[in-house]
Protein backbone atom coordinates (compact mmCIF):
# COMPACT_ATOMS: atom_id res chain seq x y z
CA MET A 1 87.63 90.90 50.70
CA GLU A 2 86.42 87.51 49.74
CA LEU A 3 86.12 86.30 46.16
CA ARG A 4 83.76 83.49 45.36
CA SER A 5 83.22 81.65 42.17
CA THR A 6 79.82 81.88 40.52
CA ARG A 7 79.34 78.16 40.81
CA GLU A 8 79.72 78.36 44.59
CA MET A 9 77.28 81.24 44.76
CA ARG A 10 74.70 79.35 42.68
CA ARG A 11 75.04 76.31 44.91
CA ASN A 12 74.48 78.44 48.04
CA GLU A 13 71.39 79.98 46.48
CA GLN A 14 70.02 76.55 45.66
CA LEU A 15 70.67 75.37 49.22
CA ALA A 16 68.95 78.43 50.62
CA ARG A 17 65.88 77.80 48.43
CA ALA A 18 65.78 74.15 49.51
CA GLN A 19 66.00 75.19 53.16
CA THR A 20 63.09 77.60 52.83
CA LYS A 21 60.98 74.95 51.08
CA ARG A 22 61.67 72.46 53.89
CA THR A 23 60.77 74.92 56.60
CA ASP A 24 57.55 75.83 54.81
CA ARG A 25 56.45 72.17 54.69
CA SER A 26 57.35 71.12 58.23
CA PRO A 27 55.07 71.62 61.26
CA ALA A 28 55.79 74.37 63.84
CA PRO A 29 57.33 72.26 66.68
CA ALA A 30 59.81 70.57 64.40
CA GLU A 31 60.70 73.93 62.91
CA SER A 32 61.98 75.30 66.23
CA ALA A 33 64.17 72.26 66.75
CA ARG A 34 65.79 72.62 63.35
CA THR A 35 66.37 76.35 63.49
CA ARG A 36 69.25 76.06 65.90
CA PRO A 37 72.13 78.30 65.01
CA GLN A 38 74.30 76.85 62.32
CA GLY A 39 77.81 76.41 63.70
CA ASP A 40 80.60 74.00 64.30
CA ARG A 41 80.02 71.21 66.73
CA LEU A 42 82.74 69.39 68.60
CA SER A 43 82.25 66.16 70.43
CA LEU A 44 84.96 64.81 72.68
CA SER A 45 85.38 61.48 74.33
CA ARG A 46 85.58 61.26 78.12
CA GLN A 47 89.30 60.42 77.82
CA ALA A 48 89.97 63.57 75.76
CA VAL A 49 88.06 65.72 78.28
CA ASN A 50 90.08 64.25 81.16
CA PHE A 51 93.30 64.90 79.24
CA LEU A 52 92.35 68.56 78.60
CA GLU A 53 91.36 69.07 82.24
CA GLU A 54 94.72 67.64 83.34
CA GLN A 55 96.53 69.99 80.94
CA ASN A 56 94.56 72.95 82.32
CA ARG A 57 95.40 71.95 85.90
CA ARG A 58 99.11 71.63 85.09
CA MET A 59 99.13 74.96 83.30
CA TRP A 60 97.42 76.61 86.26
CA GLN A 61 99.96 75.11 88.69
CA TYR A 62 102.83 76.22 86.48
CA GLN A 63 101.47 79.77 86.39
CA GLN A 64 101.01 79.80 90.16
CA GLU A 65 104.59 78.60 90.73
CA ARG A 66 105.89 81.15 88.25
CA GLU A 67 103.98 83.93 90.02
CA GLN A 68 105.34 82.80 93.40
CA ARG A 69 108.92 82.81 92.06
CA ARG A 70 108.36 86.26 90.59
CA GLN A 71 106.89 87.52 93.86
CA SER A 72 109.76 86.11 95.93
CA ARG A 73 112.27 87.67 93.53
CA LEU A 74 110.51 91.04 93.87
CA ASP A 75 110.46 90.68 97.65
CA SER A 76 114.18 89.93 97.76
CA GLU A 77 114.93 92.88 95.47
CA LEU A 78 112.79 95.13 97.64
CA SER A 79 114.55 94.01 100.81
CA ALA A 80 117.92 94.53 99.11
CA LEU A 81 116.80 98.02 98.15
CA ASP A 82 115.72 98.73 101.74
CA THR A 83 119.08 97.45 102.99
CA ALA A 84 120.94 99.63 100.52
CA LYS A 85 118.78 102.61 101.46
CA SER A 86 119.49 102.13 105.18
CA ARG A 87 123.22 101.73 104.44
CA LEU A 88 123.16 104.93 102.43
CA LYS A 89 121.38 106.75 105.27
CA ARG A 90 123.95 105.48 107.77
CA MET A 91 126.81 106.58 105.52
CA GLU A 92 125.18 110.00 105.08
CA ASP A 93 124.95 110.39 108.87
CA GLU A 94 128.59 109.36 109.29
CA LEU A 95 129.65 111.84 106.63
CA ASP A 96 127.71 114.59 108.40
CA ILE A 97 129.43 113.71 111.69
CA LEU A 98 132.88 113.72 110.09
CA SER A 99 132.17 117.04 108.39
CA LYS A 100 131.24 118.63 111.73
CA CYS A 101 134.31 117.10 113.36
CA GLN A 102 136.48 118.50 110.60
CA LYS A 103 135.09 122.02 111.10
CA ILE A 104 135.64 121.81 114.86
CA ALA A 105 139.19 120.52 114.38
CA ALA A 106 139.98 123.32 111.89
CA SER A 107 138.83 125.92 114.44
CA ILE A 108 141.00 124.35 117.12
CA MET A 109 144.04 124.29 114.80
CA LYS A 110 143.55 128.00 114.08
CA GLY A 111 143.85 128.62 117.80
CA ASN A 112 140.29 129.90 118.22
CA ARG A 113 138.04 129.20 121.20
CA VAL A 114 135.60 126.36 120.57
CA PRO A 115 132.47 125.70 122.68
CA PRO A 116 132.89 122.83 125.17
CA GLU A 117 130.04 120.80 123.66
CA ASP A 118 131.85 120.94 120.29
CA LEU A 119 135.06 119.69 121.94
CA ARG A 120 133.11 116.87 123.59
CA TYR A 121 131.46 116.01 120.25
CA LEU A 122 134.85 115.90 118.52
CA MET A 123 136.35 113.76 121.26
CA GLU A 124 133.44 111.28 121.20
CA HIS A 125 133.20 110.93 117.43
CA ASP A 126 136.80 111.37 116.24
CA GLN A 127 139.40 110.83 118.95
CA ALA A 128 142.29 110.77 116.50
CA GLY A 129 141.09 114.05 114.98
CA TYR A 130 140.84 115.59 118.46
CA LYS A 131 144.41 114.56 119.31
CA LEU A 132 145.70 115.82 115.97
CA ALA A 133 143.87 119.16 116.30
CA MET A 134 145.27 119.69 119.80
CA ALA A 135 148.77 118.75 118.67
CA MET A 136 148.63 121.09 115.65
CA ARG A 137 147.02 123.99 117.50
CA ARG A 138 148.65 127.29 116.61
CA HIS A 139 149.23 130.08 119.01
CA ASN A 140 146.71 132.80 118.33
CA PRO A 141 147.30 136.05 120.26
CA ASP A 142 143.71 137.17 119.57
CA PRO A 143 141.53 134.02 119.54
CA GLU A 144 137.99 134.32 118.27
CA ASP A 145 135.00 132.69 119.93
CA GLU A 146 133.72 130.21 117.37
CA GLU A 147 130.02 129.50 116.95
CA SER A 148 128.95 125.94 117.57
CA VAL A 149 128.64 123.82 114.43
CA LEU A 150 126.34 121.36 116.19
CA ASP A 151 122.60 121.14 115.63
CA ASP A 152 120.16 120.97 118.53
CA GLU A 153 119.83 117.28 117.76
CA ASP A 154 123.60 116.77 118.13
CA ARG A 155 123.72 118.79 121.36
CA ASN A 156 120.85 116.80 122.88
CA GLY A 157 122.36 113.50 121.73
CA ALA A 158 125.78 114.42 123.15
CA ALA A 159 124.27 115.53 126.47
CA GLU A 160 122.31 112.30 126.82
CA ALA A 161 125.27 110.13 125.83
CA SER A 162 127.71 111.75 128.26
CA GLY A 163 125.31 112.03 131.15
CA GLY A 164 124.93 115.77 130.66
CA GLY A 165 127.20 116.86 133.53
CA GLU A 166 130.76 116.30 132.37
CA ALA A 167 132.37 119.32 130.75
CA PHE A 168 135.79 119.66 129.19
CA PRO A 169 137.98 122.69 129.93
CA ARG A 170 137.55 125.49 127.45
CA PRO A 171 140.73 126.50 125.67
CA SER A 172 141.51 130.01 126.78
CA ALA A 173 143.76 132.80 125.67
CA PRO A 174 147.50 132.41 126.29
CA ALA A 175 148.78 133.26 129.72
CA PRO A 176 150.87 136.41 130.20
CA GLY A 177 154.03 134.34 130.06
CA GLY A 178 153.36 133.45 126.39
CA LYS A 179 152.22 129.90 127.08
CA SER A 180 148.82 128.48 126.45
CA PRO A 181 147.39 126.60 129.45
CA ASP A 182 146.57 123.58 127.26
CA THR A 183 149.99 123.20 125.64
CA ASP A 184 153.58 123.45 126.71
CA THR A 185 154.77 125.10 123.52
CA VAL A 186 156.38 128.52 123.46
CA LYS A 187 155.75 131.24 120.89
């Protein structure tokens, strides 16, 4: 809300009356020239205009450089994220492989029969685990046939990697003499 003094209001009224009197007296063409909108007018020298244009150009360049830095930072963060994502995927795959190897090794240590493709998978992916499972194999008088823990993808990958023709001997039940054909241990 704006408060004005009465003196200021009177002066404005007097100016308005004087303006209307002037416009009534003047001819029509001059009237259109004088009825331009009342507003502030700024006049600048050529030097000031050049200075302002230079400032605008510098500001524009600064904003462009800033945007490029921001974009490059975003690109590097995105590539780091992609790298971390691919590392995580690789680690997830390795964990899946080790989990399958651990299940196969546990079945071998129980003395159960394991499918040959599972033995091959264990030998290819965890040789130390294969050796340990064979060394710690218990004698089982009634071995169970274990189901394969491998997916179709793992079976196809193992067959392609090994050439598809090489098969490892299947651990069988103990011979009548009490010895297992794969080990030289006695009951």
